[in-house]
Amino acid sequence: MEERDVVVVGAGIAGCMTAATIAIKSKGKIDVLLLDRNPQSEVGKKTTLGWVCGDAVGEHHIKFLNEHLGVTYGKPEMENRVTAVYVYSPDMKVRVPFEGPGYVLDRPKFGKRLLEDALKSGVEFRGGVQALDLVEDSGRIVGLKGQTVGENVNKPFEIRSKLVIRATLRKRSTRTTLSRQQG
């Protein structure tokens, strides 16, 4: 059975940043595996699952990444500098202003760059897999079970881990199963 220190499920912004932060801050002493439904070539691509993040980011977030992780972003990931943005409700009836400097992102390029940075920091990526359930032992989470998707569909796997982090936002079954109350 495969064993890891940390498994991060979901290679979107939150997952890539979390995985990279753990690897960078531990100076490579913590083994981090990043899992995603998409193959590596499609990370950052809009899929039928979509993403929650918009296509803009506040300048303070970019500064934080540089100061704390040592990564710098610019063109082509960040297309245009803005002084404010509006966020609209799904029905377009409500508009909320966010003032302050920021950037419009090229979301696919930004996603790919986040994954590249995570890989450079020592994170291992495995695409084409789906986390399905947590593995418990004496009331503690000790890993996860999943299956492959895509070409090798439904091939089961289990990974034991000291820490499992769910960084997925869209798929209801994964969100429900991997977030259930323990105890």
Protein backbone atom coordinates (compact mmCIF):
# COMPACT_ATOMS: atom_id res chain seq x y z
CA MET A 1 0.00 0.00 0.00
CA GLU A 2 1.27 3.46 -0.89
CA GLU A 3 2.16 5.81 1.99
CA ARG A 4 2.65 9.60 1.91
CA ASP A 5 3.11 12.37 4.46
CA VAL A 6 0.48 14.63 2.87
CA VAL A 7 -2.07 14.08 0.11
CA VAL A 8 -3.77 17.14 -1.39
CA VAL A 9 -6.90 16.41 -3.43
CA GLY A 10 -7.54 18.98 -6.18
CA ALA A 11 -4.94 20.81 -8.30
CA GLY A 12 -6.75 24.12 -8.61
CA ILE A 13 -5.49 27.34 -7.06
CA ALA A 14 -6.05 26.19 -3.46
CA GLY A 15 -4.59 22.72 -3.98
CA CYS A 16 -1.48 23.83 -5.87
CA MET A 17 -0.79 26.62 -3.39
CA THR A 18 -1.31 24.36 -0.39
CA ALA A 19 0.91 21.61 -1.78
CA ALA A 20 3.66 24.06 -2.79
CA THR A 21 3.52 25.86 0.57
CA ILE A 22 3.97 22.62 2.51
CA ALA A 23 6.86 21.53 0.29
CA ILE A 24 8.59 24.93 0.39
CA LYS A 25 8.13 25.59 4.10
CA SER A 26 9.29 22.06 5.02
CA LYS A 27 12.31 22.46 2.72
CA GLY A 28 11.34 19.18 1.05
CA LYS A 29 11.23 17.18 4.28
CA ILE A 30 7.50 16.51 3.92
CA ASP A 31 6.44 14.25 1.07
CA VAL A 32 3.48 15.86 -0.75
CA LEU A 33 1.28 14.16 -3.36
CA LEU A 34 -1.18 16.31 -5.34
CA LEU A 35 -4.14 14.46 -6.92
CA ASP A 36 -6.54 15.71 -9.61
CA ARG A 37 -9.19 14.35 -11.98
CA ASN A 38 -7.52 16.07 -14.90
CA PRO A 39 -4.26 14.94 -16.48
CA GLN A 40 -1.29 17.27 -16.00
CA SER A 41 -1.76 18.75 -19.49
CA GLU A 42 -5.27 19.92 -18.56
CA VAL A 43 -4.67 21.45 -15.13
CA GLY A 44 -5.86 25.05 -15.33
CA LYS A 45 -8.26 24.24 -18.15
CA LYS A 46 -11.93 25.01 -17.64
CA THR A 47 -13.78 21.69 -17.55
CA THR A 48 -17.36 20.60 -17.14
CA LEU A 49 -16.69 20.78 -13.40
CA GLY A 50 -15.77 24.45 -13.80
CA TRP A 51 -14.02 26.44 -11.10
CA VAL A 52 -15.16 28.81 -8.43
CA CYS A 53 -12.36 31.34 -8.83
CA GLY A 54 -12.96 34.24 -11.14
CA ASP A 55 -10.43 35.62 -13.51
CA ALA A 56 -9.03 38.35 -11.25
CA VAL A 57 -6.82 38.56 -8.18
CA GLY A 58 -5.97 41.34 -5.76
CA GLU A 59 -2.44 42.71 -5.87
CA HIS A 60 -2.00 41.96 -2.16
CA HIS A 61 -2.40 38.23 -2.89
CA ILE A 62 0.36 38.32 -5.50
CA LYS A 63 2.63 40.21 -3.06
CA PHE A 64 1.90 37.63 -0.36
CA LEU A 65 2.97 34.79 -2.66
CA ASN A 66 6.19 36.57 -3.48
CA GLU A 67 7.02 37.45 0.13
CA HIS A 68 6.14 34.09 1.67
CA LEU A 69 6.84 31.57 -1.09
CA GLY A 70 9.33 33.42 -3.25
CA VAL A 71 7.28 33.07 -6.43
CA THR A 72 6.72 35.96 -8.80
CA TYR A 73 3.93 36.24 -11.34
CA GLY A 74 3.58 38.51 -14.34
CA LYS A 75 2.80 38.14 -18.01
CA PRO A 76 1.49 35.85 -19.45
CA GLU A 77 -0.39 34.66 -16.31
CA MET A 78 -1.50 38.17 -15.39
CA GLU A 79 -2.91 39.91 -18.45
CA ASN A 80 -3.96 43.37 -17.25
CA ARG A 81 -3.64 45.53 -14.17
CA VAL A 82 -6.94 46.90 -12.80
CA THR A 83 -7.90 49.36 -10.07
CA ALA A 84 -11.24 47.75 -9.19
CA VAL A 85 -13.59 44.96 -10.27
CA TYR A 86 -17.26 44.13 -9.93
CA VAL A 87 -18.47 40.70 -8.93
CA TYR A 88 -21.92 39.76 -10.23
CA SER A 89 -24.40 37.26 -8.84
CA PRO A 90 -25.22 34.30 -11.13
CA ASP A 91 -28.49 35.95 -12.18
CA MET A 92 -26.60 39.24 -12.86
CA LYS A 93 -29.02 41.17 -10.59
CA VAL A 94 -26.56 41.93 -7.80
CA ARG A 95 -23.24 43.70 -8.34
CA VAL A 96 -20.60 44.01 -5.61
CA PRO A 97 -17.62 46.34 -6.11
CA PHE A 98 -14.10 45.41 -4.99
CA GLU A 99 -11.81 48.40 -5.07
CA GLY A 100 -8.04 48.31 -5.02
CA PRO A 101 -5.25 47.28 -7.35
CA GLY A 102 -5.27 43.84 -8.88
CA TYR A 103 -4.86 41.85 -12.06
CA VAL A 104 -6.99 40.12 -14.65
CA LEU A 105 -5.69 36.58 -15.02
CA ASP A 106 -5.26 34.32 -17.99
CA ARG A 107 -6.81 31.57 -15.89
CA PRO A 108 -5.53 28.53 -17.87
CA LYS A 109 -1.96 29.89 -17.93
CA PHE A 110 -2.17 30.86 -14.25
CA GLY A 111 -3.33 27.34 -13.35
CA LYS A 112 -0.51 25.74 -15.31
CA ARG A 113 2.03 28.06 -13.70
CA LEU A 114 0.75 27.21 -10.20
CA LEU A 115 1.22 23.51 -10.94
CA GLU A 116 4.71 24.14 -12.37
CA ASP A 117 5.66 26.00 -9.18
CA ALA A 118 4.31 23.16 -7.02
CA LEU A 119 6.29 20.59 -9.02
CA LYS A 120 9.48 22.69 -8.79
CA SER A 121 9.05 22.80 -5.01
CA GLY A 122 9.10 18.99 -4.83
CA VAL A 123 5.40 18.14 -5.01
CA GLU A 124 4.50 14.99 -6.95
CA PHE A 125 1.43 15.25 -9.21
CA ARG A 126 -0.88 12.40 -10.17
CA GLY A 127 -3.68 13.17 -12.60
CA GLY A 128 -6.57 11.10 -13.88
CA VAL A 129 -7.65 10.05 -10.39
CA GLN A 130 -10.66 10.73 -8.21
CA ALA A 131 -10.72 10.60 -4.40
CA LEU A 132 -13.84 8.79 -3.22
CA ASP A 133 -13.62 8.11 0.50
CA LEU A 134 -11.51 8.61 3.59
CA VAL A 135 -9.73 5.75 5.34
CA GLU A 136 -10.20 5.72 9.11
CA ASP A 137 -8.45 3.89 11.93
CA SER A 138 -9.65 4.29 15.53
CA GLY A 139 -11.58 7.43 14.59
CA ARG A 140 -8.60 9.08 12.87
CA ILE A 141 -8.25 9.85 9.17
CA VAL A 142 -5.25 7.85 7.95
CA GLY A 143 -5.64 8.10 4.18
CA LEU A 144 -8.03 7.95 1.28
CA LYS A 145 -9.47 5.58 -1.30
CA GLY A 146 -10.09 6.50 -4.89
CA GLN A 147 -10.20 5.33 -8.46
CA THR A 148 -8.70 6.23 -11.78
CA VAL A 149 -10.72 8.16 -14.34
CA GLY A 150 -10.26 8.60 -18.07
CA GLU A 151 -8.53 5.82 -20.02
CA ASN A 152 -7.98 3.48 -17.05
CA VAL A 153 -11.40 4.12 -15.58
CA ASN A 154 -12.43 2.66 -12.22
CA LYS A 155 -9.08 1.16 -11.21
CA PRO A 156 -9.19 1.43 -7.38
CA PHE A 157 -6.34 2.69 -5.19
CA GLU A 158 -5.66 3.44 -1.54
CA ILE A 159 -3.10 5.83 -0.12
CA ARG A 160 -2.20 6.06 3.57
CA SER A 161 -1.27 9.54 4.70
CA LYS A 162 -0.60 11.50 7.87
CA LEU A 163 -2.71 14.34 6.46
CA VAL A 164 -5.39 14.49 3.74
CA ILE A 165 -6.36 17.95 2.47
CA ARG A 166 -9.46 18.42 0.32
CA ALA A 167 -9.00 21.34 -2.06
CA THR A 168 -11.87 20.48 -4.39
CA LEU A 169 -14.85 22.74 -4.74
CA ARG A 170 -17.21 21.53 -7.42
CA LYS A 171 -17.94 17.81 -7.40
CA ARG A 172 -20.70 17.21 -4.89
CA SER A 173 -20.03 13.52 -4.12
CA THR A 174 -16.35 14.13 -3.37
CA ARG A 175 -17.13 17.25 -1.36
CA THR A 176 -19.72 15.42 0.74
CA THR A 177 -17.72 12.24 1.30
CA LEU A 178 -14.37 13.87 2.04
CA SER A 179 -15.93 16.47 4.35
CA ARG A 180 -18.24 14.34 6.44
CA GLN A 181 -18.34 14.78 10.21
CA GLN A 182 -16.06 12.38 12.05
CA GLY A 183 -16.87 10.91 15.42
